[in-house]
PDB file of N, CA and C in Angstrom:
ATOM      1  N   MET A   1      -1.415 -11.868  17.165  1.00  0.00           N
ATOM      2  CA  MET A   1      -1.934 -11.252  15.961  1.00  0.00           C
ATOM      3  C   MET A   1      -2.071  -9.753  16.184  1.00  0.00           C
ATOM      4  N   LYS A   2      -1.623  -8.957  15.212  1.00  0.00           N
ATOM      5  CA  LYS A   2      -1.685  -7.508  15.328  1.00  0.00           C
ATOM      6  C   LYS A   2      -3.105  -7.010  15.090  1.00  0.00           C
ATOM      7  N   ALA A   3      -3.488  -5.985  15.826  1.00  0.00           N
ATOM      8  CA  ALA A   3      -4.793  -5.370  15.619  1.00  0.00           C
ATOM      9  C   ALA A   3      -4.710  -4.406  14.442  1.00  0.00           C
ATOM     10  N   ALA A   4      -5.772  -4.305  13.676  1.00  0.00           N
ATOM     11  CA  ALA A   4      -5.824  -3.376  12.554  1.00  0.00           C
ATOM     12  C   ALA A   4      -5.888  -1.945  13.067  1.00  0.00           C
ATOM     13  N   ILE A   5      -5.161  -1.075  12.406  1.00  0.00           N
ATOM     14  CA  ILE A   5      -5.180   0.337  12.764  1.00  0.00           C
ATOM     15  C   ILE A   5      -6.035   1.051  11.732  1.00  0.00           C
ATOM     16  N   THR A   6      -7.154   1.579  12.157  1.00  0.00           N
ATOM     17  CA  THR A   6      -8.068   2.254  11.253  1.00  0.00           C
ATOM     18  C   THR A   6      -8.540   3.533  11.881  1.00  0.00           C
ATOM     19  N   PHE A   7      -8.574   4.602  11.086  1.00  0.00           N
ATOM     20  CA  PHE A   7      -9.072   5.888  11.531  1.00  0.00           C
ATOM     21  C   PHE A   7     -10.307   6.239  10.724  1.00  0.00           C
ATOM     22  N   ARG A   8     -11.208   7.016  11.329  1.00  0.00           N
ATOM     23  CA  ARG A   8     -12.393   7.479  10.615  1.00  0.00           C
ATOM     24  C   ARG A   8     -12.175   8.926  10.210  1.00  0.00           C
ATOM     25  N   MET A   9     -12.331   9.225   8.934  1.00  0.00           N
ATOM     26  CA  MET A   9     -12.226  10.590   8.446  1.00  0.00           C
ATOM     27  C   MET A   9     -13.373  10.827   7.481  1.00  0.00           C
ATOM     28  N   ALA A  10     -14.285  11.699   7.855  1.00  0.00           N
ATOM     29  CA  ALA A  10     -15.413  12.061   6.985  1.00  0.00           C
ATOM     30  C   ALA A  10     -16.111  10.824   6.422  1.00  0.00           C
ATOM     31  N   GLY A  11     -16.315   9.829   7.252  1.00  0.00           N
ATOM     32  CA  GLY A  11     -17.036   8.635   6.823  1.00  0.00           C
ATOM     33  C   GLY A  11     -16.204   7.643   6.029  1.00  0.00           C
ATOM     34  N   THR A  12     -14.898   7.860   5.909  1.00  0.00           N
ATOM     35  CA  THR A  12     -14.026   6.981   5.137  1.00  0.00           C
ATOM     36  C   THR A  12     -13.055   6.278   6.066  1.00  0.00           C
ATOM     37  N   ASP A  13     -12.881   4.970   5.888  1.00  0.00           N
ATOM     38  CA  ASP A  13     -11.880   4.231   6.653  1.00  0.00           C
ATOM     39  C   ASP A  13     -10.501   4.550   6.095  1.00  0.00           C
ATOM     40  N   VAL A  14      -9.562   4.815   6.971  1.00  0.00           N
ATOM     41  CA  VAL A  14      -8.186   5.081   6.565  1.00  0.00           C
ATOM     42  C   VAL A  14      -7.306   4.021   7.209  1.00  0.00           C
ATOM     43  N   ASN A  15      -6.605   3.276   6.392  1.00  0.00           N
ATOM     44  CA  ASN A  15      -5.738   2.198   6.864  1.00  0.00           C
ATOM     45  C   ASN A  15      -4.285   2.661   6.799  1.00  0.00           C
ATOM     46  N   VAL A  16      -3.571   2.456   7.879  1.00  0.00           N
ATOM     47  CA  VAL A  16      -2.164   2.841   7.927  1.00  0.00           C
ATOM     48  C   VAL A  16      -1.349   1.809   7.151  1.00  0.00           C
ATOM     49  N   ASN A  17      -0.488   2.305   6.235  1.00  0.00           N
ATOM     50  CA  ASN A  17       0.392   1.409   5.507  1.00  0.00           C
ATOM     51  C   ASN A  17       1.739   2.112   5.305  1.00  0.00           C
ATOM     52  N   ASN A  18       2.706   1.382   4.777  1.00  0.00           N
ATOM     53  CA  ASN A  18       4.063   1.892   4.600  1.00  0.00           C
ATOM     54  C   ASN A  18       4.451   2.067   3.144  1.00  0.00           C
ATOM     55  N   VAL A  19       3.473   2.166   2.254  1.00  0.00           N
ATOM     56  CA  VAL A  19       3.773   2.263   0.824  1.00  0.00           C
ATOM     57  C   VAL A  19       4.633   3.490   0.540  1.00  0.00           C
ATOM     58  N   LYS A  20       4.215   4.662   0.995  1.00  0.00           N
ATOM     59  CA  LYS A  20       4.963   5.893   0.711  1.00  0.00           C
ATOM     60  C   LYS A  20       6.373   5.829   1.304  1.00  0.00           C
ATOM     61  N   LYS A  21       6.482   5.367   2.524  1.00  0.00           N
ATOM     62  CA  LYS A  21       7.786   5.274   3.202  1.00  0.00           C
ATOM     63  C   LYS A  21       8.742   4.386   2.413  1.00  0.00           C
ATOM     64  N   ILE A  22       8.286   3.206   2.035  1.00  0.00           N
ATOM     65  CA  ILE A  22       9.135   2.274   1.293  1.00  0.00           C
ATOM     66  C   ILE A  22       9.438   2.818  -0.097  1.00  0.00           C
ATOM     67  N   ARG A  23       8.445   3.399  -0.757  1.00  0.00           N
ATOM     68  CA  ARG A  23       8.647   3.972  -2.093  1.00  0.00           C
ATOM     69  C   ARG A  23       9.721   5.057  -2.049  1.00  0.00           C
ATOM     70  N   GLU A  24       9.630   5.951  -1.070  1.00  0.00           N
ATOM     71  CA  GLU A  24      10.603   7.037  -0.960  1.00  0.00           C
ATOM     72  C   GLU A  24      11.994   6.525  -0.573  1.00  0.00           C
ATOM     73  N   GLU A  25      12.061   5.502   0.282  1.00  0.00           N
ATOM     74  CA  GLU A  25      13.354   4.911   0.645  1.00  0.00           C
ATOM     75  C   GLU A  25      14.053   4.331  -0.584  1.00  0.00           C
ATOM     76  N   ARG A  26      13.262   3.831  -1.515  1.00  0.00           N
ATOM     77  CA  ARG A  26      13.813   3.228  -2.735  1.00  0.00           C
ATOM     78  C   ARG A  26      13.953   4.236  -3.870  1.00  0.00           C
ATOM     79  N   LEU A  27      13.649   5.515  -3.564  1.00  0.00           N
ATOM     80  CA  LEU A  27      13.762   6.609  -4.537  1.00  0.00           C
ATOM     81  C   LEU A  27      12.934   6.349  -5.792  1.00  0.00           C
ATOM     82  N   ILE A  28      11.717   5.865  -5.591  1.00  0.00           N
ATOM     83  CA  ILE A  28      10.793   5.588  -6.691  1.00  0.00           C
ATOM     84  C   ILE A  28       9.684   6.638  -6.651  1.00  0.00           C
ATOM     85  N   SER A  29       9.362   7.211  -7.796  1.00  0.00           N
ATOM     86  CA  SER A  29       8.269   8.183  -7.855  1.00  0.00           C
ATOM     87  C   SER A  29       6.924   7.445  -7.841  1.00  0.00           C
ATOM     88  N   LYS A  30       5.872   8.190  -7.552  1.00  0.00           N
ATOM     89  CA  LYS A  30       4.528   7.585  -7.607  1.00  0.00           C
ATOM     90  C   LYS A  30       4.257   7.048  -9.005  1.00  0.00           C
ATOM     91  N   MET A  31       4.647   7.824 -10.015  1.00  0.00           N
ATOM     92  CA  MET A  31       4.412   7.423 -11.410  1.00  0.00           C
ATOM     93  C   MET A  31       5.132   6.115 -11.729  1.00  0.00           C
ATOM     94  N   GLU A  32       6.372   6.001 -11.276  1.00  0.00           N
ATOM     95  CA  GLU A  32       7.150   4.786 -11.537  1.00  0.00           C
ATOM     96  C   GLU A  32       6.556   3.585 -10.806  1.00  0.00           C
ATOM     97  N   LEU A  33       6.170   3.756  -9.545  1.00  0.00           N
ATOM     98  CA  LEU A  33       5.551   2.649  -8.811  1.00  0.00           C
ATOM     99  C   LEU A  33       4.251   2.228  -9.482  1.00  0.00           C
ATOM    100  N   ALA A  34       3.481   3.207  -9.936  1.00  0.00           N
ATOM    101  CA  ALA A  34       2.226   2.890 -10.639  1.00  0.00           C
ATOM    102  C   ALA A  34       2.512   2.062 -11.891  1.00  0.00           C
ATOM    103  N   ARG A  35       3.537   2.464 -12.648  1.00  0.00           N
ATOM    104  CA  ARG A  35       3.900   1.729 -13.865  1.00  0.00           C
ATOM    105  C   ARG A  35       4.337   0.305 -13.530  1.00  0.00           C
ATOM    106  N   LEU A  36       5.190   0.164 -12.524  1.00  0.00           N
ATOM    107  CA  LEU A  36       5.672  -1.155 -12.135  1.00  0.00           C
ATOM    108  C   LEU A  36       4.555  -2.066 -11.621  1.00  0.00           C
ATOM    109  N   ALA A  37       3.601  -1.471 -10.899  1.00  0.00           N
ATOM    110  CA  ALA A  37       2.501  -2.246 -10.321  1.00  0.00           C
ATOM    111  C   ALA A  37       1.324  -2.405 -11.281  1.00  0.00           C
ATOM    112  N   GLU A  38       1.396  -1.726 -12.420  1.00  0.00           N
ATOM    113  CA  GLU A  38       0.320  -1.756 -13.414  1.00  0.00           C
ATOM    114  C   GLU A  38      -0.998  -1.260 -12.835  1.00  0.00           C
ATOM    115  N   VAL A  39      -0.908  -0.144 -12.098  1.00  0.00           N
ATOM    116  CA  VAL A  39      -2.086   0.556 -11.580  1.00  0.00           C
ATOM    117  C   VAL A  39      -1.900   2.033 -11.913  1.00  0.00           C
ATOM    118  N   SER A  40      -2.920   2.837 -11.689  1.00  0.00           N
ATOM    119  CA  SER A  40      -2.810   4.259 -12.001  1.00  0.00           C
ATOM    120  C   SER A  40      -2.088   5.012 -10.887  1.00  0.00           C
ATOM    121  N   PRO A  41      -1.453   6.139 -11.227  1.00  0.00           N
ATOM    122  CA  PRO A  41      -0.830   6.968 -10.194  1.00  0.00           C
ATOM    123  C   PRO A  41      -1.861   7.468  -9.175  1.00  0.00           C
ATOM    124  N   ILE A  42      -3.081   7.656  -9.609  1.00  0.00           N
ATOM    125  CA  ILE A  42      -4.157   8.069  -8.694  1.00  0.00           C
ATOM    126  C   ILE A  42      -4.386   6.987  -7.645  1.00  0.00           C
ATOM    127  N   THR A  43      -4.326   5.730  -8.064  1.00  0.00           N
ATOM    128  CA  THR A  43      -4.489   4.616  -7.128  1.00  0.00           C
ATOM    129  C   THR A  43      -3.365   4.615  -6.100  1.00  0.00           C
ATOM    130  N   ILE A  44      -2.137   4.854  -6.539  1.00  0.00           N
ATOM    131  CA  ILE A  44      -1.010   4.906  -5.601  1.00  0.00           C
ATOM    132  C   ILE A  44      -1.234   6.020  -4.587  1.00  0.00           C
ATOM    133  N   GLY A  45      -1.649   7.181  -5.052  1.00  0.00           N
ATOM    134  CA  GLY A  45      -1.923   8.303  -4.152  1.00  0.00           C
ATOM    135  C   GLY A  45      -2.988   7.970  -3.127  1.00  0.00           C
ATOM    136  N   ARG A  46      -4.047   7.328  -3.562  1.00  0.00           N
ATOM    137  CA  ARG A  46      -5.120   6.939  -2.642  1.00  0.00           C
ATOM    138  C   ARG A  46      -4.623   5.963  -1.586  1.00  0.00           C
ATOM    139  N   ILE A  47      -3.858   5.000  -2.006  1.00  0.00           N
ATOM    140  CA  ILE A  47      -3.340   3.999  -1.068  1.00  0.00           C
ATOM    141  C   ILE A  47      -2.384   4.658  -0.069  1.00  0.00           C
ATOM    142  N   GLU A  48      -1.533   5.550  -0.559  1.00  0.00           N
ATOM    143  CA  GLU A  48      -0.597   6.244   0.339  1.00  0.00           C
ATOM    144  C   GLU A  48      -1.332   7.125   1.349  1.00  0.00           C
ATOM    145  N   ARG A  49      -2.513   7.607   0.996  1.00  0.00           N
ATOM    146  CA  ARG A  49      -3.333   8.384   1.936  1.00  0.00           C
ATOM    147  C   ARG A  49      -4.087   7.475   2.903  1.00  0.00           C
ATOM    148  N   GLY A  50      -4.012   6.174   2.675  1.00  0.00           N
ATOM    149  CA  GLY A  50      -4.633   5.230   3.589  1.00  0.00           C
ATOM    150  C   GLY A  50      -6.000   4.743   3.174  1.00  0.00           C
ATOM    151  N   GLU A  51      -6.422   5.074   1.956  1.00  0.00           N
ATOM    152  CA  GLU A  51      -7.710   4.570   1.494  1.00  0.00           C
ATOM    153  C   GLU A  51      -7.584   3.085   1.182  1.00  0.00           C
ATOM    154  N   SER A  52      -8.683   2.391   1.256  1.00  0.00           N
ATOM    155  CA  SER A  52      -8.660   0.939   1.046  1.00  0.00           C
ATOM    156  C   SER A  52      -8.486   0.608  -0.435  1.00  0.00           C
ATOM    157  N   CYS A  53      -8.032  -0.598  -0.699  1.00  0.00           N
ATOM    158  CA  CYS A  53      -7.898  -1.080  -2.070  1.00  0.00           C
ATOM    159  C   CYS A  53      -8.089  -2.590  -2.071  1.00  0.00           C
ATOM    160  N   ARG A  54      -8.184  -3.120  -3.266  1.00  0.00           N
ATOM    161  CA  ARG A  54      -8.384  -4.562  -3.411  1.00  0.00           C
ATOM    162  C   ARG A  54      -7.113  -5.330  -3.040  1.00  0.00           C
ATOM    163  N   MET A  55      -7.284  -6.567  -2.670  1.00  0.00           N
ATOM    164  CA  MET A  55      -6.165  -7.432  -2.311  1.00  0.00           C
ATOM    165  C   MET A  55      -5.215  -7.600  -3.498  1.00  0.00           C
ATOM    166  N   GLU A  56      -5.742  -7.701  -4.691  1.00  0.00           N
ATOM    167  CA  GLU A  56      -4.915  -7.849  -5.891  1.00  0.00           C
ATOM    168  C   GLU A  56      -4.022  -6.627  -6.093  1.00  0.00           C
ATOM    169  N   THR A  57      -4.546  -5.442  -5.809  1.00  0.00           N
ATOM    170  CA  THR A  57      -3.761  -4.215  -5.928  1.00  0.00           C
ATOM    171  C   THR A  57      -2.636  -4.213  -4.907  1.00  0.00           C
ATOM    172  N   LYS A  58      -2.918  -4.647  -3.694  1.00  0.00           N
ATOM    173  CA  LYS A  58      -1.875  -4.748  -2.669  1.00  0.00           C
ATOM    174  C   LYS A  58      -0.782  -5.703  -3.116  1.00  0.00           C
ATOM    175  N   ARG A  59      -1.168  -6.811  -3.695  1.00  0.00           N
ATOM    176  CA  ARG A  59      -0.203  -7.804  -4.176  1.00  0.00           C
ATOM    177  C   ARG A  59       0.698  -7.190  -5.246  1.00  0.00           C
ATOM    178  N   LYS A  60       0.114  -6.458  -6.182  1.00  0.00           N
ATOM    179  CA  LYS A  60       0.883  -5.823  -7.245  1.00  0.00           C
ATOM    180  C   LYS A  60       1.890  -4.818  -6.684  1.00  0.00           C
ATOM    181  N   ILE A  61       1.459  -4.044  -5.688  1.00  0.00           N
ATOM    182  CA  ILE A  61       2.340  -3.044  -5.096  1.00  0.00           C
ATOM    183  C   ILE A  61       3.491  -3.703  -4.345  1.00  0.00           C
ATOM    184  N   ILE A  62       3.194  -4.734  -3.588  1.00  0.00           N
ATOM    185  CA  ILE A  62       4.236  -5.459  -2.847  1.00  0.00           C
ATOM    186  C   ILE A  62       5.294  -5.978  -3.813  1.00  0.00           C
ATOM    187  N   LEU A  63       4.862  -6.595  -4.900  1.00  0.00           N
ATOM    188  CA  LEU A  63       5.806  -7.145  -5.870  1.00  0.00           C
ATOM    189  C   LEU A  63       6.544  -6.038  -6.615  1.00  0.00           C
ATOM    190  N   ALA A  64       5.872  -4.922  -6.915  1.00  0.00           N
ATOM    191  CA  ALA A  64       6.518  -3.796  -7.596  1.00  0.00           C
ATOM    192  C   ALA A  64       7.596  -3.158  -6.725  1.00  0.00           C
ATOM    193  N   LEU A  65       7.431  -3.238  -5.409  1.00  0.00           N
ATOM    194  CA  LEU A  65       8.440  -2.729  -4.479  1.00  0.00           C
ATOM    195  C   LEU A  65       9.580  -3.724  -4.276  1.00  0.00           C
ATOM    196  N   GLN A  66       9.585  -4.792  -5.070  1.00  0.00           N
ATOM    197  CA  GLN A  66      10.600  -5.840  -5.043  1.00  0.00           C
ATOM    198  C   GLN A  66      10.653  -6.561  -3.702  1.00  0.00           C
ATOM    199  N   LEU A  67       9.492  -6.751  -3.127  1.00  0.00           N
ATOM    200  CA  LEU A  67       9.354  -7.533  -1.904  1.00  0.00           C
ATOM    201  C   LEU A  67       8.631  -8.824  -2.251  1.00  0.00           C
ATOM    202  N   THR A  68       8.633  -9.771  -1.324  1.00  0.00           N
ATOM    203  CA  THR A  68       7.885 -11.005  -1.534  1.00  0.00           C
ATOM    204  C   THR A  68       6.542 -10.884  -0.813  1.00  0.00           C
ATOM    205  N   LEU A  69       5.633 -11.727  -1.163  1.00  0.00           N
ATOM    206  CA  LEU A  69       4.330 -11.702  -0.502  1.00  0.00           C
ATOM    207  C   LEU A  69       4.452 -12.012   0.980  1.00  0.00           C
ATOM    208  N   GLU A  70       5.514 -12.704   1.368  1.00  0.00           N
ATOM    209  CA  GLU A  70       5.750 -12.963   2.787  1.00  0.00           C
ATOM    210  C   GLU A  70       6.108 -11.677   3.540  1.00  0.00           C
ATOM    211  N   ASP A  71       6.538 -10.660   2.810  1.00  0.00           N
ATOM    212  CA  ASP A  71       6.889  -9.363   3.404  1.00  0.00           C
ATOM    213  C   ASP A  71       5.696  -8.414   3.488  1.00  0.00           C
ATOM    214  N   ARG A  72       4.508  -8.903   3.227  1.00  0.00           N
ATOM    215  CA  ARG A  72       3.320  -8.037   3.137  1.00  0.00           C
ATOM    216  C   ARG A  72       3.078  -7.200   4.389  1.00  0.00           C
ATOM    217  N   GLU A  73       3.424  -7.723   5.560  1.00  0.00           N
ATOM    218  CA  GLU A  73       3.218  -6.959   6.793  1.00  0.00           C
ATOM    219  C   GLU A  73       4.130  -5.741   6.871  1.00  0.00           C
ATOM    220  N   LYS A  74       5.244  -5.757   6.149  1.00  0.00           N
ATOM    221  CA  LYS A  74       6.123  -4.582   6.107  1.00  0.00           C
ATOM    222  C   LYS A  74       5.452  -3.429   5.367  1.00  0.00           C
ATOM    223  N   VAL A  75       4.617  -3.759   4.389  1.00  0.00           N
ATOM    224  CA  VAL A  75       3.954  -2.751   3.568  1.00  0.00           C
ATOM    225  C   VAL A  75       2.559  -2.430   4.107  1.00  0.00           C
ATOM    226  N   PHE A  76       1.799  -3.458   4.395  1.00  0.00           N
ATOM    227  CA  PHE A  76       0.422  -3.325   4.862  1.00  0.00           C
ATOM    228  C   PHE A  76       0.280  -4.010   6.217  1.00  0.00           C
ATOM    229  N   PRO A  77       0.788  -3.393   7.282  1.00  0.00           N
ATOM    230  CA  PRO A  77       0.805  -4.045   8.611  1.00  0.00           C
ATOM    231  C   PRO A  77      -0.575  -4.326   9.197  1.00  0.00           C
ATOM    232  N   ASP A  78      -1.589  -3.639   8.743  1.00  0.00           N
ATOM    233  CA  ASP A  78      -2.925  -3.838   9.310  1.00  0.00           C
ATOM    234  C   ASP A  78      -3.726  -4.900   8.575  1.00  0.00           C
ATOM    235  N   ASN A  79      -3.150  -5.500   7.544  1.00  0.00           N
ATOM    236  CA  ASN A  79      -3.882  -6.476   6.734  1.00  0.00           C
ATOM    237  C   ASN A  79      -3.080  -7.753   6.620  1.00  0.00           C
ATOM    238  N   VAL A  80      -3.145  -8.591   7.604  1.00  0.00           N
ATOM    239  CA  VAL A  80      -2.340  -9.816   7.596  1.00  0.00           C
ATOM    240  C   VAL A  80      -2.838 -10.836   6.610  1.00  0.00           C
ATOM    241  N   SER A  81      -4.039 -10.703   6.055  1.00  0.00           N
ATOM    242  CA  SER A  81      -4.566 -11.700   5.116  1.00  0.00           C
ATOM    243  C   SER A  81      -4.324 -11.332   3.670  1.00  0.00           C
ATOM    244  N   THR A  82      -3.504 -10.299   3.378  1.00  0.00           N
ATOM    245  CA  THR A  82      -3.253  -9.868   2.001  1.00  0.00           C
ATOM    246  C   THR A  82      -2.562 -10.957   1.216  1.00  0.00           C
TER     247      THR A  82
END
């Protein structure tokens, strides 16, 4: 089992994820990913900076990136229970 990677910044937990990397590889803008995932562009920005989010939001992003829920570790490697 992989250990969670978390950094402390000004009292905020920062979780490492691959949302920005995958989004850019697929040539999708933050606005477009937000539309596809039915979340706000601000939420996408927060997640890409490593801020935490709800499990449902992670699920929406994974599916919006045209991945399956089984691929969740590719997007959110520190959260195996997503």
